[in-house]
Amino acid sequence: MNVQQKYEQCLRITSEALDQLEVKQKNRVSDAYLEFTKNYIHDAKHYALKGDYVTALEAIAYAHGFIDAGVLAGFFKIEEYHLKSV
């Protein structure tokens, strides 16, 4: 799998997670996590359009990381997500 294919796979997975995300605990931090996630997805798409798939993959990894952090902190819930809240 090349970097472009990996980016596209990660973008799909992250976008699906965001679409299914339910905010369980709305607060300043959960709002920030959600905003960071959306901003990093936007950045990833921007870099992909420029053909910079390495930077796009890095950005989408950050986006997914904020989703993971929100799930682990109990801020977000996603049915059948691979992480469970602590």
PDB file of N, CA and C in Angstrom:
ATOM      1  N   MET A   1       0.857  -1.175   0.000  1.00  0.00           N
ATOM      2  CA  MET A   1       0.000   0.000   0.000  1.00  0.00           C
ATOM      3  C   MET A   1       0.904   1.240   0.000  1.00  0.00           C
ATOM      4  N   ASN A   2       0.679   2.146  -0.929  1.00  0.00           N
ATOM      5  CA  ASN A   2       1.480   3.370  -0.968  1.00  0.00           C
ATOM      6  C   ASN A   2       0.862   4.434  -0.064  1.00  0.00           C
ATOM      7  N   VAL A   3       1.555   5.554   0.069  1.00  0.00           N
ATOM      8  CA  VAL A   3       1.118   6.588   1.015  1.00  0.00           C
ATOM      9  C   VAL A   3      -0.231   7.193   0.611  1.00  0.00           C
ATOM     10  N   GLN A   4      -0.491   7.336  -0.674  1.00  0.00           N
ATOM     11  CA  GLN A   4      -1.784   7.873  -1.108  1.00  0.00           C
ATOM     12  C   GLN A   4      -2.916   6.923  -0.730  1.00  0.00           C
ATOM     13  N   GLN A   5      -2.721   5.647  -0.946  1.00  0.00           N
ATOM     14  CA  GLN A   5      -3.747   4.662  -0.588  1.00  0.00           C
ATOM     15  C   GLN A   5      -3.967   4.625   0.920  1.00  0.00           C
ATOM     16  N   LYS A   6      -2.885   4.719   1.687  1.00  0.00           N
ATOM     17  CA  LYS A   6      -3.000   4.719   3.150  1.00  0.00           C
ATOM     18  C   LYS A   6      -3.761   5.969   3.612  1.00  0.00           C
ATOM     19  N   TYR A   7      -3.448   7.118   3.015  1.00  0.00           N
ATOM     20  CA  TYR A   7      -4.173   8.346   3.340  1.00  0.00           C
ATOM     21  C   TYR A   7      -5.665   8.173   3.062  1.00  0.00           C
ATOM     22  N   GLU A   8      -6.002   7.668   1.885  1.00  0.00           N
ATOM     23  CA  GLU A   8      -7.412   7.504   1.509  1.00  0.00           C
ATOM     24  C   GLU A   8      -8.129   6.543   2.447  1.00  0.00           C
ATOM     25  N   GLN A   9      -7.447   5.473   2.857  1.00  0.00           N
ATOM     26  CA  GLN A   9      -8.034   4.531   3.812  1.00  0.00           C
ATOM     27  C   GLN A   9      -8.268   5.211   5.165  1.00  0.00           C
ATOM     28  N   CYS A  10      -7.281   5.938   5.644  1.00  0.00           N
ATOM     29  CA  CYS A  10      -7.412   6.617   6.940  1.00  0.00           C
ATOM     30  C   CYS A  10      -8.462   7.721   6.897  1.00  0.00           C
ATOM     31  N   LEU A  11      -8.543   8.435   5.781  1.00  0.00           N
ATOM     32  CA  LEU A  11      -9.565   9.467   5.632  1.00  0.00           C
ATOM     33  C   LEU A  11     -10.964   8.850   5.705  1.00  0.00           C
ATOM     34  N   ARG A  12     -11.147   7.730   5.037  1.00  0.00           N
ATOM     35  CA  ARG A  12     -12.451   7.056   5.050  1.00  0.00           C
ATOM     36  C   ARG A  12     -12.812   6.625   6.471  1.00  0.00           C
ATOM     37  N   ILE A  13     -11.891   5.978   7.143  1.00  0.00           N
ATOM     38  CA  ILE A  13     -12.145   5.487   8.502  1.00  0.00           C
ATOM     39  C   ILE A  13     -12.432   6.644   9.460  1.00  0.00           C
ATOM     40  N   THR A  14     -11.646   7.697   9.377  1.00  0.00           N
ATOM     41  CA  THR A  14     -11.820   8.847  10.264  1.00  0.00           C
ATOM     42  C   THR A  14     -13.122   9.580   9.971  1.00  0.00           C
ATOM     43  N   SER A  15     -13.443   9.739   8.701  1.00  0.00           N
ATOM     44  CA  SER A  15     -14.694  10.410   8.321  1.00  0.00           C
ATOM     45  C   SER A  15     -15.905   9.612   8.789  1.00  0.00           C
ATOM     46  N   GLU A  16     -15.851   8.290   8.664  1.00  0.00           N
ATOM     47  CA  GLU A  16     -16.951   7.443   9.146  1.00  0.00           C
ATOM     48  C   GLU A  16     -17.091   7.563  10.655  1.00  0.00           C
ATOM     49  N   ALA A  17     -15.970   7.582  11.369  1.00  0.00           N
ATOM     50  CA  ALA A  17     -16.015   7.729  12.830  1.00  0.00           C
ATOM     51  C   ALA A  17     -16.633   9.072  13.207  1.00  0.00           C
ATOM     52  N   LEU A  18     -16.245  10.131  12.517  1.00  0.00           N
ATOM     53  CA  LEU A  18     -16.800  11.456  12.804  1.00  0.00           C
ATOM     54  C   LEU A  18     -18.298  11.497  12.518  1.00  0.00           C
ATOM     55  N   ASP A  19     -18.731  10.867  11.441  1.00  0.00           N
ATOM     56  CA  ASP A  19     -20.156  10.838  11.096  1.00  0.00           C
ATOM     57  C   ASP A  19     -20.985  10.114  12.152  1.00  0.00           C
ATOM     58  N   GLN A  20     -20.397   9.105  12.791  1.00  0.00           N
ATOM     59  CA  GLN A  20     -21.117   8.297  13.779  1.00  0.00           C
ATOM     60  C   GLN A  20     -20.947   8.823  15.207  1.00  0.00           C
ATOM     61  N   LEU A  21     -20.100   9.816  15.378  1.00  0.00           N
ATOM     62  CA  LEU A  21     -19.747  10.315  16.695  1.00  0.00           C
ATOM     63  C   LEU A  21     -20.937  10.978  17.384  1.00  0.00           C
ATOM     64  N   GLU A  22     -21.135  10.596  18.621  1.00  0.00           N
ATOM     65  CA  GLU A  22     -22.157  11.211  19.477  1.00  0.00           C
ATOM     66  C   GLU A  22     -21.440  11.875  20.651  1.00  0.00           C
ATOM     67  N   VAL A  23     -21.720  13.150  20.871  1.00  0.00           N
ATOM     68  CA  VAL A  23     -21.104  13.859  21.995  1.00  0.00           C
ATOM     69  C   VAL A  23     -21.875  13.479  23.258  1.00  0.00           C
ATOM     70  N   LYS A  24     -21.172  12.838  24.191  1.00  0.00           N
ATOM     71  CA  LYS A  24     -21.791  12.413  25.448  1.00  0.00           C
ATOM     72  C   LYS A  24     -21.600  13.446  26.550  1.00  0.00           C
ATOM     73  N   GLN A  25     -20.495  14.171  26.474  1.00  0.00           N
ATOM     74  CA  GLN A  25     -20.163  15.131  27.507  1.00  0.00           C
ATOM     75  C   GLN A  25     -19.707  16.411  26.822  1.00  0.00           C
ATOM     76  N   LYS A  26     -20.613  17.374  26.707  1.00  0.00           N
ATOM     77  CA  LYS A  26     -20.277  18.621  26.024  1.00  0.00           C
ATOM     78  C   LYS A  26     -19.636  19.580  27.025  1.00  0.00           C
ATOM     79  N   ASN A  27     -18.421  19.966  26.720  1.00  0.00           N
ATOM     80  CA  ASN A  27     -17.702  20.933  27.536  1.00  0.00           C
ATOM     81  C   ASN A  27     -16.646  21.606  26.670  1.00  0.00           C
ATOM     82  N   ARG A  28     -15.862  22.456  27.261  1.00  0.00           N
ATOM     83  CA  ARG A  28     -14.855  23.206  26.514  1.00  0.00           C
ATOM     84  C   ARG A  28     -13.845  22.281  25.832  1.00  0.00           C
ATOM     85  N   VAL A  29     -13.446  21.222  26.514  1.00  0.00           N
ATOM     86  CA  VAL A  29     -12.450  20.302  25.964  1.00  0.00           C
ATOM     87  C   VAL A  29     -13.050  19.465  24.835  1.00  0.00           C
ATOM     88  N   SER A  30     -14.248  18.936  25.031  1.00  0.00           N
ATOM     89  CA  SER A  30     -14.857  18.126  23.965  1.00  0.00           C
ATOM     90  C   SER A  30     -15.126  18.980  22.727  1.00  0.00           C
ATOM     91  N   ASP A  31     -15.530  20.233  22.943  1.00  0.00           N
ATOM     92  CA  ASP A  31     -15.717  21.151  21.815  1.00  0.00           C
ATOM     93  C   ASP A  31     -14.402  21.363  21.065  1.00  0.00           C
ATOM     94  N   ALA A  32     -13.323  21.529  21.811  1.00  0.00           N
ATOM     95  CA  ALA A  32     -12.009  21.731  21.189  1.00  0.00           C
ATOM     96  C   ALA A  32     -11.577  20.491  20.417  1.00  0.00           C
ATOM     97  N   TYR A  33     -11.759  19.301  21.002  1.00  0.00           N
ATOM     98  CA  TYR A  33     -11.400  18.056  20.307  1.00  0.00           C
ATOM     99  C   TYR A  33     -12.151  17.935  18.989  1.00  0.00           C
ATOM    100  N   LEU A  34     -13.426  18.255  19.016  1.00  0.00           N
ATOM    101  CA  LEU A  34     -14.236  18.164  17.801  1.00  0.00           C
ATOM    102  C   LEU A  34     -13.773  19.190  16.762  1.00  0.00           C
ATOM    103  N   GLU A  35     -13.484  20.389  17.209  1.00  0.00           N
ATOM    104  CA  GLU A  35     -13.000  21.425  16.293  1.00  0.00           C
ATOM    105  C   GLU A  35     -11.642  21.032  15.699  1.00  0.00           C
ATOM    106  N   PHE A  36     -10.728  20.532  16.546  1.00  0.00           N
ATOM    107  CA  PHE A  36      -9.420  20.098  16.048  1.00  0.00           C
ATOM    108  C   PHE A  36      -9.574  18.979  15.021  1.00  0.00           C
ATOM    109  N   THR A  37     -10.465  18.039  15.302  1.00  0.00           N
ATOM    110  CA  THR A  37     -10.701  16.932  14.372  1.00  0.00           C
ATOM    111  C   THR A  37     -11.128  17.453  13.011  1.00  0.00           C
ATOM    112  N   LYS A  38     -12.107  18.323  13.005  1.00  0.00           N
ATOM    113  CA  LYS A  38     -12.614  18.864  11.736  1.00  0.00           C
ATOM    114  C   LYS A  38     -11.547  19.688  11.015  1.00  0.00           C
ATOM    115  N   ASN A  39     -10.779  20.463  11.758  1.00  0.00           N
ATOM    116  CA  ASN A  39      -9.733  21.273  11.146  1.00  0.00           C
ATOM    117  C   ASN A  39      -8.639  20.405  10.527  1.00  0.00           C
ATOM    118  N   TYR A  40      -8.246  19.342  11.228  1.00  0.00           N
ATOM    119  CA  TYR A  40      -7.213  18.465  10.684  1.00  0.00           C
ATOM    120  C   TYR A  40      -7.720  17.693   9.461  1.00  0.00           C
ATOM    121  N   ILE A  41      -8.978  17.318   9.442  1.00  0.00           N
ATOM    122  CA  ILE A  41      -9.543  16.676   8.251  1.00  0.00           C
ATOM    123  C   ILE A  41      -9.507  17.656   7.078  1.00  0.00           C
ATOM    124  N   HIS A  42      -9.886  18.891   7.339  1.00  0.00           N
ATOM    125  CA  HIS A  42      -9.836  19.926   6.301  1.00  0.00           C
ATOM    126  C   HIS A  42      -8.407  20.091   5.777  1.00  0.00           C
ATOM    127  N   ASP A  43      -7.449  20.168   6.698  1.00  0.00           N
ATOM    128  CA  ASP A  43      -6.050  20.304   6.298  1.00  0.00           C
ATOM    129  C   ASP A  43      -5.581  19.105   5.480  1.00  0.00           C
ATOM    130  N   ALA A  44      -5.967  17.906   5.901  1.00  0.00           N
ATOM    131  CA  ALA A  44      -5.568  16.694   5.181  1.00  0.00           C
ATOM    132  C   ALA A  44      -6.060  16.730   3.737  1.00  0.00           C
ATOM    133  N   LYS A  45      -7.303  17.119   3.562  1.00  0.00           N
ATOM    134  CA  LYS A  45      -7.862  17.198   2.207  1.00  0.00           C
ATOM    135  C   LYS A  45      -7.133  18.249   1.379  1.00  0.00           C
ATOM    136  N   HIS A  46      -6.784  19.361   2.011  1.00  0.00           N
ATOM    137  CA  HIS A  46      -6.046  20.428   1.328  1.00  0.00           C
ATOM    138  C   HIS A  46      -4.702  19.910   0.810  1.00  0.00           C
ATOM    139  N   TYR A  47      -3.954  19.235   1.677  1.00  0.00           N
ATOM    140  CA  TYR A  47      -2.645  18.717   1.272  1.00  0.00           C
ATOM    141  C   TYR A  47      -2.772  17.616   0.221  1.00  0.00           C
ATOM    142  N   ALA A  48      -3.796  16.790   0.335  1.00  0.00           N
ATOM    143  CA  ALA A  48      -4.008  15.742  -0.666  1.00  0.00           C
ATOM    144  C   ALA A  48      -4.270  16.352  -2.041  1.00  0.00           C
ATOM    145  N   LEU A  49      -5.048  17.419  -2.080  1.00  0.00           N
ATOM    146  CA  LEU A  49      -5.314  18.093  -3.358  1.00  0.00           C
ATOM    147  C   LEU A  49      -4.036  18.638  -3.988  1.00  0.00           C
ATOM    148  N   LYS A  50      -3.076  19.003  -3.148  1.00  0.00           N
ATOM    149  CA  LYS A  50      -1.798  19.497  -3.644  1.00  0.00           C
ATOM    150  C   LYS A  50      -0.846  18.351  -3.996  1.00  0.00           C
ATOM    151  N   GLY A  51      -1.269  17.101  -3.715  1.00  0.00           N
ATOM    152  CA  GLY A  51      -0.430  15.942  -4.006  1.00  0.00           C
ATOM    153  C   GLY A  51       0.560  15.611  -2.907  1.00  0.00           C
ATOM    154  N   ASP A  52       0.476  16.293  -1.769  1.00  0.00           N
ATOM    155  CA  ASP A  52       1.373  16.051  -0.630  1.00  0.00           C
ATOM    156  C   ASP A  52       0.710  15.049   0.305  1.00  0.00           C
ATOM    157  N   TYR A  53       0.805  13.771  -0.059  1.00  0.00           N
ATOM    158  CA  TYR A  53       0.102  12.738   0.699  1.00  0.00           C
ATOM    159  C   TYR A  53       0.778  12.410   2.022  1.00  0.00           C
ATOM    160  N   VAL A  54       2.053  12.700   2.160  1.00  0.00           N
ATOM    161  CA  VAL A  54       2.723  12.468   3.444  1.00  0.00           C
ATOM    162  C   VAL A  54       2.149  13.423   4.494  1.00  0.00           C
ATOM    163  N   THR A  55       2.079  14.705   4.165  1.00  0.00           N
ATOM    164  CA  THR A  55       1.517  15.681   5.102  1.00  0.00           C
ATOM    165  C   THR A  55       0.023  15.436   5.307  1.00  0.00           C
ATOM    166  N   ALA A  56      -0.679  15.035   4.248  1.00  0.00           N
ATOM    167  CA  ALA A  56      -2.108  14.721   4.367  1.00  0.00           C
ATOM    168  C   ALA A  56      -2.323  13.557   5.329  1.00  0.00           C
ATOM    169  N   LEU A  57      -1.480  12.537   5.240  1.00  0.00           N
ATOM    170  CA  LEU A  57      -1.594  11.383   6.135  1.00  0.00           C
ATOM    171  C   LEU A  57      -1.297  11.781   7.575  1.00  0.00           C
ATOM    172  N   GLU A  58      -0.315  12.642   7.765  1.00  0.00           N
ATOM    173  CA  GLU A  58      -0.012  13.124   9.113  1.00  0.00           C
ATOM    174  C   GLU A  58      -1.206  13.871   9.697  1.00  0.00           C
ATOM    175  N   ALA A  59      -1.829  14.731   8.894  1.00  0.00           N
ATOM    176  CA  ALA A  59      -2.977  15.511   9.375  1.00  0.00           C
ATOM    177  C   ALA A  59      -4.155  14.608   9.716  1.00  0.00           C
ATOM    178  N   ILE A  60      -4.416  13.612   8.895  1.00  0.00           N
ATOM    179  CA  ILE A  60      -5.562  12.732   9.167  1.00  0.00           C
ATOM    180  C   ILE A  60      -5.280  11.874  10.402  1.00  0.00           C
ATOM    181  N   ALA A  61      -4.013  11.555  10.642  1.00  0.00           N
ATOM    182  CA  ALA A  61      -3.659  10.807  11.856  1.00  0.00           C
ATOM    183  C   ALA A  61      -3.931  11.647  13.104  1.00  0.00           C
ATOM    184  N   TYR A  62      -3.628  12.934  13.040  1.00  0.00           N
ATOM    185  CA  TYR A  62      -3.943  13.826  14.157  1.00  0.00           C
ATOM    186  C   TYR A  62      -5.457  13.897  14.371  1.00  0.00           C
ATOM    187  N   ALA A  63      -6.206  14.014  13.291  1.00  0.00           N
ATOM    188  CA  ALA A  63      -7.669  14.076  13.401  1.00  0.00           C
ATOM    189  C   ALA A  63      -8.201  12.838  14.106  1.00  0.00           C
ATOM    190  N   HIS A  64      -7.716  11.678  13.684  1.00  0.00           N
ATOM    191  CA  HIS A  64      -8.186  10.439  14.291  1.00  0.00           C
ATOM    192  C   HIS A  64      -7.748  10.356  15.756  1.00  0.00           C
ATOM    193  N   GLY A  65      -6.591  10.896  16.046  1.00  0.00           N
ATOM    194  CA  GLY A  65      -6.108  10.912  17.431  1.00  0.00           C
ATOM    195  C   GLY A  65      -7.013  11.704  18.362  1.00  0.00           C
ATOM    196  N   PHE A  66      -7.550  12.817  17.869  1.00  0.00           N
ATOM    197  CA  PHE A  66      -8.470  13.592  18.700  1.00  0.00           C
ATOM    198  C   PHE A  66      -9.792  12.854  18.913  1.00  0.00           C
ATOM    199  N   ILE A  67     -10.239  12.099  17.915  1.00  0.00           N
ATOM    200  CA  ILE A  67     -11.433  11.261  18.109  1.00  0.00           C
ATOM    201  C   ILE A  67     -11.142  10.207  19.162  1.00  0.00           C
ATOM    202  N   ASP A  68     -10.000   9.526  19.030  1.00  0.00           N
ATOM    203  CA  ASP A  68      -9.621   8.507  20.016  1.00  0.00           C
ATOM    204  C   ASP A  68      -9.549   9.087  21.421  1.00  0.00           C
ATOM    205  N   ALA A  69      -8.934  10.260  21.555  1.00  0.00           N
ATOM    206  CA  ALA A  69      -8.804  10.893  22.873  1.00  0.00           C
ATOM    207  C   ALA A  69     -10.180  11.222  23.448  1.00  0.00           C
ATOM    208  N   GLY A  70     -11.082  11.715  22.591  1.00  0.00           N
ATOM    209  CA  GLY A  70     -12.436  12.029  23.058  1.00  0.00           C
ATOM    210  C   GLY A  70     -13.206  10.804  23.507  1.00  0.00           C
ATOM    211  N   VAL A  71     -13.027   9.698  22.797  1.00  0.00           N
ATOM    212  CA  VAL A  71     -13.689   8.447  23.191  1.00  0.00           C
ATOM    213  C   VAL A  71     -13.111   7.952  24.519  1.00  0.00           C
ATOM    214  N   LEU A  72     -11.784   7.944  24.626  1.00  0.00           N
ATOM    215  CA  LEU A  72     -11.150   7.458  25.849  1.00  0.00           C
ATOM    216  C   LEU A  72     -11.482   8.325  27.064  1.00  0.00           C
ATOM    217  N   ALA A  73     -11.669   9.618  26.853  1.00  0.00           N
ATOM    218  CA  ALA A  73     -12.010  10.524  27.955  1.00  0.00           C
ATOM    219  C   ALA A  73     -13.492  10.459  28.315  1.00  0.00           C
ATOM    220  N   GLY A  74     -14.282   9.763  27.490  1.00  0.00           N
ATOM    221  CA  GLY A  74     -15.712   9.655  27.759  1.00  0.00           C
ATOM    222  C   GLY A  74     -16.518  10.806  27.191  1.00  0.00           C
ATOM    223  N   PHE A  75     -15.900  11.667  26.392  1.00  0.00           N
ATOM    224  CA  PHE A  75     -16.609  12.790  25.781  1.00  0.00           C
ATOM    225  C   PHE A  75     -17.464  12.339  24.602  1.00  0.00           C
ATOM    226  N   PHE A  76     -16.954  11.376  23.841  1.00  0.00           N
ATOM    227  CA  PHE A  76     -17.615  10.915  22.627  1.00  0.00           C
ATOM    228  C   PHE A  76     -17.971   9.437  22.737  1.00  0.00           C
ATOM    229  N   LYS A  77     -19.006   9.073  22.013  1.00  0.00           N
ATOM    230  CA  LYS A  77     -19.400   7.665  21.903  1.00  0.00           C
ATOM    231  C   LYS A  77     -19.585   7.377  20.417  1.00  0.00           C
ATOM    232  N   ILE A  78     -19.056   6.238  20.002  1.00  0.00           N
ATOM    233  CA  ILE A  78     -19.228   5.773  18.632  1.00  0.00           C
ATOM    234  C   ILE A  78     -19.545   4.286  18.726  1.00  0.00           C
ATOM    235  N   GLU A  79     -20.695   3.902  18.222  1.00  0.00           N
ATOM    236  CA  GLU A  79     -21.100   2.498  18.286  1.00  0.00           C
ATOM    237  C   GLU A  79     -20.059   1.607  17.610  1.00  0.00           C
ATOM    238  N   GLU A  80     -19.742   0.507  18.252  1.00  0.00           N
ATOM    239  CA  GLU A  80     -18.822  -0.502  17.734  1.00  0.00           C
ATOM    240  C   GLU A  80     -17.451   0.075  17.381  1.00  0.00           C
ATOM    241  N   TYR A  81     -17.027   1.090  18.114  1.00  0.00           N
ATOM    242  CA  TYR A  81     -15.711   1.689  17.896  1.00  0.00           C
ATOM    243  C   TYR A  81     -14.664   0.808  18.513  1.00  0.00           C
ATOM    244  N   HIS A  82     -13.476   0.795  17.959  1.00  0.00           N
ATOM    245  CA  HIS A  82     -12.433  -0.099  18.441  1.00  0.00           C
ATOM    246  C   HIS A  82     -11.866   0.292  19.807  1.00  0.00           C
ATOM    247  N   LEU A  83     -12.100   1.516  20.255  1.00  0.00           N
ATOM    248  CA  LEU A  83     -11.662   1.945  21.584  1.00  0.00           C
ATOM    249  C   LEU A  83     -12.866   2.002  22.511  1.00  0.00           C
ATOM    250  N   LYS A  84     -12.664   1.674  23.727  1.00  0.00           N
ATOM    251  CA  LYS A  84     -13.723   1.774  24.731  1.00  0.00           C
ATOM    252  C   LYS A  84     -13.326   2.835  25.741  1.00  0.00           C
ATOM    253  N   SER A  85     -14.291   3.570  26.238  1.00  0.00           N
ATOM    254  CA  SER A  85     -13.975   4.596  27.222  1.00  0.00           C
ATOM    255  C   SER A  85     -13.491   3.956  28.508  1.00  0.00           C
ATOM    256  N   VAL A  86     -12.644   4.672  29.224  1.00  0.00           N
ATOM    257  CA  VAL A  86     -12.035   4.147  30.459  1.00  0.00           C
ATOM    258  C   VAL A  86     -13.035   4.240  31.581  1.00  0.00           C
TER     259      VAL A  86
END
